[in-house]
Amino acid sequence: MMESLQERFKVKGIIFDKNGNCVCCFPHVTNISSKTGLKHLTKIPNMPMDYCLALESDVVASARKLVSAMRASGQRREAFCNAIIDGNERGFFITEGGEAYEMDLLELLQDVDTCWSSTLGMIDHLLVNYPAVKQVLDAPEFSDIAVHALSSIEITVLKDICAFLSVFHYAQQIVSAEKTPTLSIVIPTYEKLIGMFTNLKRHKPNVAHAIDASLEKLKEYMGKAWSTKMYVLAMHTSFLLELQHTY
């Protein structure tokens, strides 16, 4: 593609070099940035002691072990499913506001090391279904896995981590839109990501150190994007196409 553009621009007398105009894969950049943030979660600055201990023990790894234990046998998976169905019928599940609600019958998901979004999916499903998971862990026949139960502070930490990863998910959904040329919105999306994370730091100060690590990576790749003419060309072309469509 770059060679073709170089030849076309050459005919028009426009300087364009195929070298140095490669485009980074946005999902790959978000994977690198999010993984960098996750790795820094256990590099703990000053924060409340119980929160600090939860991070230091690697709460994401604890969630992973719990999900693996719950999925390890057909008997446990069936008990989990039954806990949701029974809990919905009896009105066992209560919101923080004190109202009963029906829990979605979701499967607990295991994450994949090479895919950050699978970690988000694992944590999100576990948090949504944890009341049912806790019922299974409390049952006498599953006392062998009760050690994997999460404390209230671990739940709080996982919610903060979920909020952190959800920002990446939001951005990736925009740029990965089907049937839509999205190269032109990569740099604006980088800027939006940086703004969202800067705002999130104010609301989730206990994971600000992980957010900062991700921000550093995002800014590094945004700098590379600004130095690549392809992104500027894509933004200019997109603007012209929108004008043609409008008028």
C-alpha atoms as a PDB file:
ATOM      1  CA  MET A   1       0.000   0.000   0.000  1.00  0.00           C
ATOM      2  CA  MET A   2       2.774   2.441   0.952  1.00  0.00           C
ATOM      3  CA  GLU A   3       4.677   1.641  -2.258  1.00  0.00           C
ATOM      4  CA  SER A   4       1.550   2.351  -4.296  1.00  0.00           C
ATOM      5  CA  LEU A   5       1.019   5.686  -2.530  1.00  0.00           C
ATOM      6  CA  GLN A   6       4.657   6.599  -3.040  1.00  0.00           C
ATOM      7  CA  GLU A   7       4.331   6.042  -6.799  1.00  0.00           C
ATOM      8  CA  ARG A   8       1.061   7.963  -7.033  1.00  0.00           C
ATOM      9  CA  PHE A   9       2.448  10.933  -5.093  1.00  0.00           C
ATOM     10  CA  LYS A  10       5.638  10.875  -7.146  1.00  0.00           C
ATOM     11  CA  VAL A  11       3.607  11.396 -10.333  1.00  0.00           C
ATOM     12  CA  LYS A  12       1.980  14.452  -8.728  1.00  0.00           C
ATOM     13  CA  GLY A  13       5.321  15.803  -7.504  1.00  0.00           C
ATOM     14  CA  ILE A  14       4.507  15.170  -3.837  1.00  0.00           C
ATOM     15  CA  ILE A  15       7.287  13.916  -1.574  1.00  0.00           C
ATOM     16  CA  PHE A  16       6.239  10.733   0.199  1.00  0.00           C
ATOM     17  CA  ASP A  17       8.504   7.936   1.400  1.00  0.00           C
ATOM     18  CA  LYS A  18       7.121   4.453   1.998  1.00  0.00           C
ATOM     19  CA  ASN A  19       9.714   4.037   4.748  1.00  0.00           C
ATOM     20  CA  GLY A  20       8.690   5.679   8.018  1.00  0.00           C
ATOM     21  CA  ASN A  21       5.007   5.757   7.111  1.00  0.00           C
ATOM     22  CA  CYS A  22       3.974   2.415   8.536  1.00  0.00           C
ATOM     23  CA  VAL A  23       0.737   2.352  10.516  1.00  0.00           C
ATOM     24  CA  CYS A  24       0.607   0.821  13.998  1.00  0.00           C
ATOM     25  CA  CYS A  25      -2.195  -1.626  14.772  1.00  0.00           C
ATOM     26  CA  PHE A  26      -4.421   0.212  17.257  1.00  0.00           C
ATOM     27  CA  PRO A  27      -5.645  -2.949  19.069  1.00  0.00           C
ATOM     28  CA  HIS A  28      -1.986  -3.959  19.455  1.00  0.00           C
ATOM     29  CA  VAL A  29      -1.157  -0.561  20.960  1.00  0.00           C
ATOM     30  CA  THR A  30      -4.078  -0.802  23.405  1.00  0.00           C
ATOM     31  CA  ASN A  31      -2.931  -4.310  24.342  1.00  0.00           C
ATOM     32  CA  ILE A  32       0.606  -3.072  25.080  1.00  0.00           C
ATOM     33  CA  SER A  33      -0.645  -0.043  27.000  1.00  0.00           C
ATOM     34  CA  SER A  34      -3.205  -1.946  29.074  1.00  0.00           C
ATOM     35  CA  LYS A  35      -0.752  -4.763  29.875  1.00  0.00           C
ATOM     36  CA  THR A  36       1.792  -2.152  30.972  1.00  0.00           C
ATOM     37  CA  GLY A  37      -0.780  -0.687  33.351  1.00  0.00           C
ATOM     38  CA  LEU A  38      -1.758  -4.105  34.709  1.00  0.00           C
ATOM     39  CA  LYS A  39       1.882  -4.981  35.399  1.00  0.00           C
ATOM     40  CA  HIS A  40       2.294  -1.751  37.382  1.00  0.00           C
ATOM     41  CA  LEU A  41      -0.699  -2.487  39.620  1.00  0.00           C
ATOM     42  CA  THR A  42       1.516  -4.310  42.120  1.00  0.00           C
ATOM     43  CA  LYS A  43       4.146  -1.534  42.094  1.00  0.00           C
ATOM     44  CA  ILE A  44       2.404   0.189  44.930  1.00  0.00           C
ATOM     45  CA  PRO A  45       2.746   3.843  46.007  1.00  0.00           C
ATOM     46  CA  ASN A  46       1.260   5.250  49.221  1.00  0.00           C
ATOM     47  CA  MET A  47      -2.387   4.253  49.635  1.00  0.00           C
ATOM     48  CA  PRO A  48      -4.730   2.700  52.242  1.00  0.00           C
ATOM     49  CA  MET A  49      -3.133  -0.403  53.778  1.00  0.00           C
ATOM     50  CA  ASP A  50      -5.935  -2.876  53.000  1.00  0.00           C
ATOM     51  CA  TYR A  51      -6.137  -1.680  49.391  1.00  0.00           C
ATOM     52  CA  CYS A  52      -2.356  -1.859  49.184  1.00  0.00           C
ATOM     53  CA  LEU A  53      -2.310  -5.456  50.449  1.00  0.00           C
ATOM     54  CA  ALA A  54      -4.965  -6.473  47.905  1.00  0.00           C
ATOM     55  CA  LEU A  55      -2.890  -5.041  45.055  1.00  0.00           C
ATOM     56  CA  GLU A  56       0.335  -6.480  46.430  1.00  0.00           C
ATOM     57  CA  SER A  57      -1.183  -9.962  46.524  1.00  0.00           C
ATOM     58  CA  ASP A  58      -2.136  -9.554  42.822  1.00  0.00           C
ATOM     59  CA  VAL A  59      -5.913  -9.470  42.987  1.00  0.00           C
ATOM     60  CA  VAL A  60      -6.225 -10.145  39.239  1.00  0.00           C
ATOM     61  CA  ALA A  61      -4.342 -13.418  39.723  1.00  0.00           C
ATOM     62  CA  SER A  62      -6.668 -14.232  42.647  1.00  0.00           C
ATOM     63  CA  ALA A  63      -9.695 -13.636  40.420  1.00  0.00           C
ATOM     64  CA  ARG A  64      -8.136 -15.853  37.753  1.00  0.00           C
ATOM     65  CA  LYS A  65      -7.604 -18.698  40.248  1.00  0.00           C
ATOM     66  CA  LEU A  66     -11.190 -18.400  41.471  1.00  0.00           C
ATOM     67  CA  VAL A  67     -12.616 -18.536  37.949  1.00  0.00           C
ATOM     68  CA  SER A  68     -10.403 -21.530  37.087  1.00  0.00           C
ATOM     69  CA  ALA A  69     -11.532 -23.337  40.234  1.00  0.00           C
ATOM     70  CA  MET A  70     -15.215 -22.650  39.479  1.00  0.00           C
ATOM     71  CA  ARG A  71     -14.849 -23.931  35.929  1.00  0.00           C
ATOM     72  CA  ALA A  72     -12.697 -26.950  36.812  1.00  0.00           C
ATOM     73  CA  SER A  73     -15.551 -29.463  37.014  1.00  0.00           C
ATOM     74  CA  GLY A  74     -19.000 -29.972  35.585  1.00  0.00           C
ATOM     75  CA  GLN A  75     -20.421 -30.265  39.116  1.00  0.00           C
ATOM     76  CA  ARG A  76     -19.169 -26.786  40.063  1.00  0.00           C
ATOM     77  CA  ARG A  77     -20.406 -25.228  36.819  1.00  0.00           C
ATOM     78  CA  GLU A  78     -23.839 -26.802  37.334  1.00  0.00           C
ATOM     79  CA  ALA A  79     -23.960 -25.580  40.942  1.00  0.00           C
ATOM     80  CA  PHE A  80     -23.090 -22.070  39.773  1.00  0.00           C
ATOM     81  CA  CYS A  81     -25.850 -22.119  37.160  1.00  0.00           C
ATOM     82  CA  ASN A  82     -28.359 -23.427  39.701  1.00  0.00           C
ATOM     83  CA  ALA A  83     -27.314 -20.738  42.199  1.00  0.00           C
ATOM     84  CA  ILE A  84     -28.249 -18.032  39.690  1.00  0.00           C
ATOM     85  CA  ILE A  85     -31.582 -19.637  38.766  1.00  0.00           C
ATOM     86  CA  ASP A  86     -32.522 -20.310  42.388  1.00  0.00           C
ATOM     87  CA  GLY A  87     -31.372 -16.878  43.526  1.00  0.00           C
ATOM     88  CA  ASN A  88     -33.482 -15.173  40.870  1.00  0.00           C
ATOM     89  CA  GLU A  89     -36.571 -17.210  41.801  1.00  0.00           C
ATOM     90  CA  ARG A  90     -36.204 -16.460  45.513  1.00  0.00           C
ATOM     91  CA  GLY A  91     -35.118 -12.846  45.171  1.00  0.00           C
ATOM     92  CA  PHE A  92     -31.761 -13.434  46.850  1.00  0.00           C
ATOM     93  CA  PHE A  93     -29.840 -10.901  44.777  1.00  0.00           C
ATOM     94  CA  ILE A  94     -30.025  -7.379  46.187  1.00  0.00           C
ATOM     95  CA  THR A  95     -28.525  -4.155  44.814  1.00  0.00           C
ATOM     96  CA  GLU A  96     -26.548  -1.745  46.997  1.00  0.00           C
ATOM     97  CA  GLY A  97     -29.727   0.314  47.145  1.00  0.00           C
ATOM     98  CA  GLY A  98     -31.606  -2.609  48.702  1.00  0.00           C
ATOM     99  CA  GLU A  99     -33.683  -3.596  45.660  1.00  0.00           C
ATOM    100  CA  ALA A 100     -34.014  -7.164  44.397  1.00  0.00           C
ATOM    101  CA  TYR A 101     -32.821  -7.854  40.862  1.00  0.00           C
ATOM    102  CA  GLU A 102     -32.493 -10.783  38.479  1.00  0.00           C
ATOM    103  CA  MET A 103     -28.940 -11.850  37.704  1.00  0.00           C
ATOM    104  CA  ASP A 104     -28.090 -12.612  34.079  1.00  0.00           C
ATOM    105  CA  LEU A 105     -27.149 -16.216  33.449  1.00  0.00           C
ATOM    106  CA  LEU A 106     -23.575 -15.495  32.363  1.00  0.00           C
ATOM    107  CA  GLU A 107     -20.714 -17.941  32.120  1.00  0.00           C
ATOM    108  CA  LEU A 108     -17.532 -17.238  34.046  1.00  0.00           C
ATOM    109  CA  LEU A 109     -14.795 -16.446  31.542  1.00  0.00           C
ATOM    110  CA  GLN A 110     -11.113 -17.285  31.648  1.00  0.00           C
ATOM    111  CA  ASP A 111      -8.694 -14.712  30.293  1.00  0.00           C
ATOM    112  CA  VAL A 112      -5.909 -15.113  27.752  1.00  0.00           C
ATOM    113  CA  ASP A 113      -2.522 -13.562  28.429  1.00  0.00           C
ATOM    114  CA  THR A 114      -2.155 -12.169  24.904  1.00  0.00           C
ATOM    115  CA  CYS A 115      -5.555 -10.442  24.935  1.00  0.00           C
ATOM    116  CA  TRP A 116      -6.123  -7.667  27.498  1.00  0.00           C
ATOM    117  CA  SER A 117      -9.849  -7.480  26.756  1.00  0.00           C
ATOM    118  CA  SER A 118     -10.265 -11.071  27.926  1.00  0.00           C
ATOM    119  CA  THR A 119      -9.007  -9.926  31.345  1.00  0.00           C
ATOM    120  CA  LEU A 120     -11.714  -7.256  31.360  1.00  0.00           C
ATOM    121  CA  GLY A 121     -14.311  -9.884  30.411  1.00  0.00           C
ATOM    122  CA  MET A 122     -13.122 -12.234  33.141  1.00  0.00           C
ATOM    123  CA  ILE A 123     -13.259  -9.561  35.861  1.00  0.00           C
ATOM    124  CA  ASP A 124     -16.559  -8.087  34.654  1.00  0.00           C
ATOM    125  CA  HIS A 125     -18.396 -11.431  34.582  1.00  0.00           C
ATOM    126  CA  LEU A 126     -16.949 -12.430  37.945  1.00  0.00           C
ATOM    127  CA  LEU A 127     -18.084  -9.182  39.584  1.00  0.00           C
ATOM    128  CA  VAL A 128     -21.566  -9.386  38.067  1.00  0.00           C
ATOM    129  CA  ASN A 129     -22.009 -12.991  39.166  1.00  0.00           C
ATOM    130  CA  TYR A 130     -20.074 -12.947  42.429  1.00  0.00           C
ATOM    131  CA  PRO A 131     -23.159 -13.284  44.716  1.00  0.00           C
ATOM    132  CA  ALA A 132     -23.910 -16.605  42.969  1.00  0.00           C
ATOM    133  CA  VAL A 133     -20.228 -17.597  43.076  1.00  0.00           C
ATOM    134  CA  LYS A 134     -20.221 -16.920  46.829  1.00  0.00           C
ATOM    135  CA  GLN A 135     -23.208 -19.217  47.307  1.00  0.00           C
ATOM    136  CA  VAL A 136     -21.261 -22.030  45.658  1.00  0.00           C
ATOM    137  CA  LEU A 137     -18.153 -21.337  47.733  1.00  0.00           C
ATOM    138  CA  ASP A 138     -20.240 -21.389  50.937  1.00  0.00           C
ATOM    139  CA  ALA A 139     -21.753 -24.789  50.149  1.00  0.00           C
ATOM    140  CA  PRO A 140     -20.239 -27.609  52.282  1.00  0.00           C
ATOM    141  CA  GLU A 141     -19.618 -29.829  49.258  1.00  0.00           C
ATOM    142  CA  PHE A 142     -17.348 -27.167  47.742  1.00  0.00           C
ATOM    143  CA  SER A 143     -15.358 -26.358  50.878  1.00  0.00           C
ATOM    144  CA  ASP A 144     -12.178 -27.359  49.007  1.00  0.00           C
ATOM    145  CA  ILE A 145     -12.358 -24.179  46.899  1.00  0.00           C
ATOM    146  CA  ALA A 146     -13.706 -21.830  49.588  1.00  0.00           C
ATOM    147  CA  VAL A 147     -10.159 -20.533  50.079  1.00  0.00           C
ATOM    148  CA  HIS A 148     -10.531 -18.678  46.749  1.00  0.00           C
ATOM    149  CA  ALA A 149     -13.341 -16.442  48.060  1.00  0.00           C
ATOM    150  CA  LEU A 150     -12.726 -12.724  47.553  1.00  0.00           C
ATOM    151  CA  SER A 151     -12.788 -10.204  50.379  1.00  0.00           C
ATOM    152  CA  SER A 152     -14.834  -7.005  50.182  1.00  0.00           C
ATOM    153  CA  ILE A 153     -11.682  -4.932  49.586  1.00  0.00           C
ATOM    154  CA  GLU A 154     -10.631  -7.285  46.764  1.00  0.00           C
ATOM    155  CA  ILE A 155     -14.042  -6.736  45.168  1.00  0.00           C
ATOM    156  CA  THR A 156     -13.516  -2.964  45.439  1.00  0.00           C
ATOM    157  CA  VAL A 157     -10.063  -3.199  43.844  1.00  0.00           C
ATOM    158  CA  LEU A 158     -11.397  -5.349  41.010  1.00  0.00           C
ATOM    159  CA  LYS A 159     -14.134  -2.771  40.333  1.00  0.00           C
ATOM    160  CA  ASP A 160     -11.454  -0.068  40.021  1.00  0.00           C
ATOM    161  CA  ILE A 161      -9.409  -2.252  37.673  1.00  0.00           C
ATOM    162  CA  CYS A 162     -12.531  -2.962  35.622  1.00  0.00           C
ATOM    163  CA  ALA A 163     -13.168   0.794  35.288  1.00  0.00           C
ATOM    164  CA  PHE A 164      -9.546   1.235  34.176  1.00  0.00           C
ATOM    165  CA  LEU A 165      -9.748  -1.468  31.491  1.00  0.00           C
ATOM    166  CA  SER A 166     -13.182  -0.313  30.312  1.00  0.00           C
ATOM    167  CA  VAL A 167     -11.624   2.885  28.947  1.00  0.00           C
ATOM    168  CA  PHE A 168      -9.481   0.812  26.567  1.00  0.00           C
ATOM    169  CA  HIS A 169     -12.520  -1.224  25.573  1.00  0.00           C
ATOM    170  CA  TYR A 170     -14.480   1.933  24.735  1.00  0.00           C
ATOM    171  CA  ALA A 171     -11.691   3.253  22.511  1.00  0.00           C
ATOM    172  CA  GLN A 172     -11.081  -0.049  20.760  1.00  0.00           C
ATOM    173  CA  GLN A 173     -14.760  -0.416  19.917  1.00  0.00           C
ATOM    174  CA  ILE A 174     -14.688   2.972  18.178  1.00  0.00           C
ATOM    175  CA  VAL A 175     -11.559   2.305  16.119  1.00  0.00           C
ATOM    176  CA  SER A 176     -12.531  -1.288  15.300  1.00  0.00           C
ATOM    177  CA  ALA A 177     -15.871  -0.261  13.809  1.00  0.00           C
ATOM    178  CA  GLU A 178     -16.842  -2.594  10.970  1.00  0.00           C
ATOM    179  CA  LYS A 179     -17.072  -1.336   7.374  1.00  0.00           C
ATOM    180  CA  THR A 180     -15.750   2.072   8.416  1.00  0.00           C
ATOM    181  CA  PRO A 181     -12.317   3.535   7.538  1.00  0.00           C
ATOM    182  CA  THR A 182     -11.066   4.408  11.023  1.00  0.00           C
ATOM    183  CA  LEU A 183      -7.404   5.372  10.481  1.00  0.00           C
ATOM    184  CA  SER A 184      -8.434   9.025  10.428  1.00  0.00           C
ATOM    185  CA  ILE A 185      -9.761   8.832  14.000  1.00  0.00           C
ATOM    186  CA  VAL A 186      -6.771   7.072  15.577  1.00  0.00           C
ATOM    187  CA  ILE A 187      -4.967  10.250  16.715  1.00  0.00           C
ATOM    188  CA  PRO A 188      -8.218  11.855  18.013  1.00  0.00           C
ATOM    189  CA  THR A 189      -8.917   8.580  19.827  1.00  0.00           C
ATOM    190  CA  TYR A 190      -5.452   8.634  21.416  1.00  0.00           C
ATOM    191  CA  GLU A 191      -6.209  12.149  22.644  1.00  0.00           C
ATOM    192  CA  LYS A 192      -9.635  11.090  23.920  1.00  0.00           C
ATOM    193  CA  LEU A 193      -8.081   8.125  25.736  1.00  0.00           C
ATOM    194  CA  ILE A 194      -5.518  10.364  27.409  1.00  0.00           C
ATOM    195  CA  GLY A 195      -8.277  12.755  28.490  1.00  0.00           C
ATOM    196  CA  MET A 196     -10.454   9.938  29.847  1.00  0.00           C
ATOM    197  CA  PHE A 197      -7.570   8.435  31.809  1.00  0.00           C
ATOM    198  CA  THR A 198      -6.593  11.832  33.209  1.00  0.00           C
ATOM    199  CA  ASN A 199     -10.172  12.222  34.436  1.00  0.00           C
ATOM    200  CA  LEU A 200     -10.281   8.636  35.760  1.00  0.00           C
ATOM    201  CA  LYS A 201      -7.202   9.293  37.915  1.00  0.00           C
ATOM    202  CA  ARG A 202      -9.222  11.838  39.879  1.00  0.00           C
ATOM    203  CA  HIS A 203     -12.015   9.339  40.520  1.00  0.00           C
ATOM    204  CA  LYS A 204      -9.822   6.248  41.036  1.00  0.00           C
ATOM    205  CA  PRO A 205      -6.670   7.593  42.743  1.00  0.00           C
ATOM    206  CA  ASN A 206      -5.711   4.174  44.122  1.00  0.00           C
ATOM    207  CA  VAL A 207      -4.941   2.883  40.619  1.00  0.00           C
ATOM    208  CA  ALA A 208      -3.448   6.170  39.369  1.00  0.00           C
ATOM    209  CA  HIS A 209       0.036   4.583  39.241  1.00  0.00           C
ATOM    210  CA  ALA A 210      -1.207   1.949  36.767  1.00  0.00           C
ATOM    211  CA  ILE A 211      -3.050   4.607  34.750  1.00  0.00           C
ATOM    212  CA  ASP A 212       0.145   6.686  34.573  1.00  0.00           C
ATOM    213  CA  ALA A 213       2.074   3.687  33.209  1.00  0.00           C
ATOM    214  CA  SER A 214      -0.534   3.194  30.482  1.00  0.00           C
ATOM    215  CA  LEU A 215      -0.606   6.914  29.728  1.00  0.00           C
ATOM    216  CA  GLU A 216       3.144   6.928  29.176  1.00  0.00           C
ATOM    217  CA  LYS A 217       2.799   4.177  26.563  1.00  0.00           C
ATOM    218  CA  LEU A 218      -0.158   5.865  24.881  1.00  0.00           C
ATOM    219  CA  LYS A 219       1.723   9.161  24.601  1.00  0.00           C
ATOM    220  CA  GLU A 220       4.728   7.324  23.145  1.00  0.00           C
ATOM    221  CA  TYR A 221       2.610   5.796  20.381  1.00  0.00           C
ATOM    222  CA  MET A 222       0.660   9.002  19.779  1.00  0.00           C
ATOM    223  CA  GLY A 223       4.004  10.739  19.230  1.00  0.00           C
ATOM    224  CA  LYS A 224       4.898   8.113  16.628  1.00  0.00           C
ATOM    225  CA  ALA A 225       1.517   8.583  14.954  1.00  0.00           C
ATOM    226  CA  TRP A 226       1.991  12.362  14.704  1.00  0.00           C
ATOM    227  CA  SER A 227       5.351  11.815  13.004  1.00  0.00           C
ATOM    228  CA  THR A 228       3.750   9.521  10.403  1.00  0.00           C
ATOM    229  CA  LYS A 229       2.223  11.292   7.403  1.00  0.00           C
ATOM    230  CA  MET A 230      -0.289   8.498   6.811  1.00  0.00           C
ATOM    231  CA  TYR A 231      -2.402   9.533   9.793  1.00  0.00           C
ATOM    232  CA  VAL A 232      -2.444  13.176   8.684  1.00  0.00           C
ATOM    233  CA  LEU A 233      -3.300  12.090   5.131  1.00  0.00           C
ATOM    234  CA  ALA A 234      -6.147   9.910   6.447  1.00  0.00           C
ATOM    235  CA  MET A 235      -7.579  12.759   8.517  1.00  0.00           C
ATOM    236  CA  HIS A 236      -7.367  15.170   5.574  1.00  0.00           C
ATOM    237  CA  THR A 237      -8.968  12.659   3.176  1.00  0.00           C
ATOM    238  CA  SER A 238     -11.746  11.868   5.663  1.00  0.00           C
ATOM    239  CA  PHE A 239     -12.507  15.579   6.027  1.00  0.00           C
ATOM    240  CA  LEU A 240     -12.720  16.058   2.237  1.00  0.00           C
ATOM    241  CA  LEU A 241     -14.988  13.029   1.860  1.00  0.00           C
ATOM    242  CA  GLU A 242     -17.303  14.361   4.551  1.00  0.00           C
ATOM    243  CA  LEU A 243     -17.472  17.728   2.747  1.00  0.00           C
ATOM    244  CA  GLN A 244     -18.347  15.984  -0.528  1.00  0.00           C
ATOM    245  CA  HIS A 245     -21.015  13.937   1.212  1.00  0.00           C
ATOM    246  CA  THR A 246     -22.480  17.024   2.908  1.00  0.00           C
ATOM    247  CA  TYR A 247     -22.515  19.276  -0.152  1.00  0.00           C
END
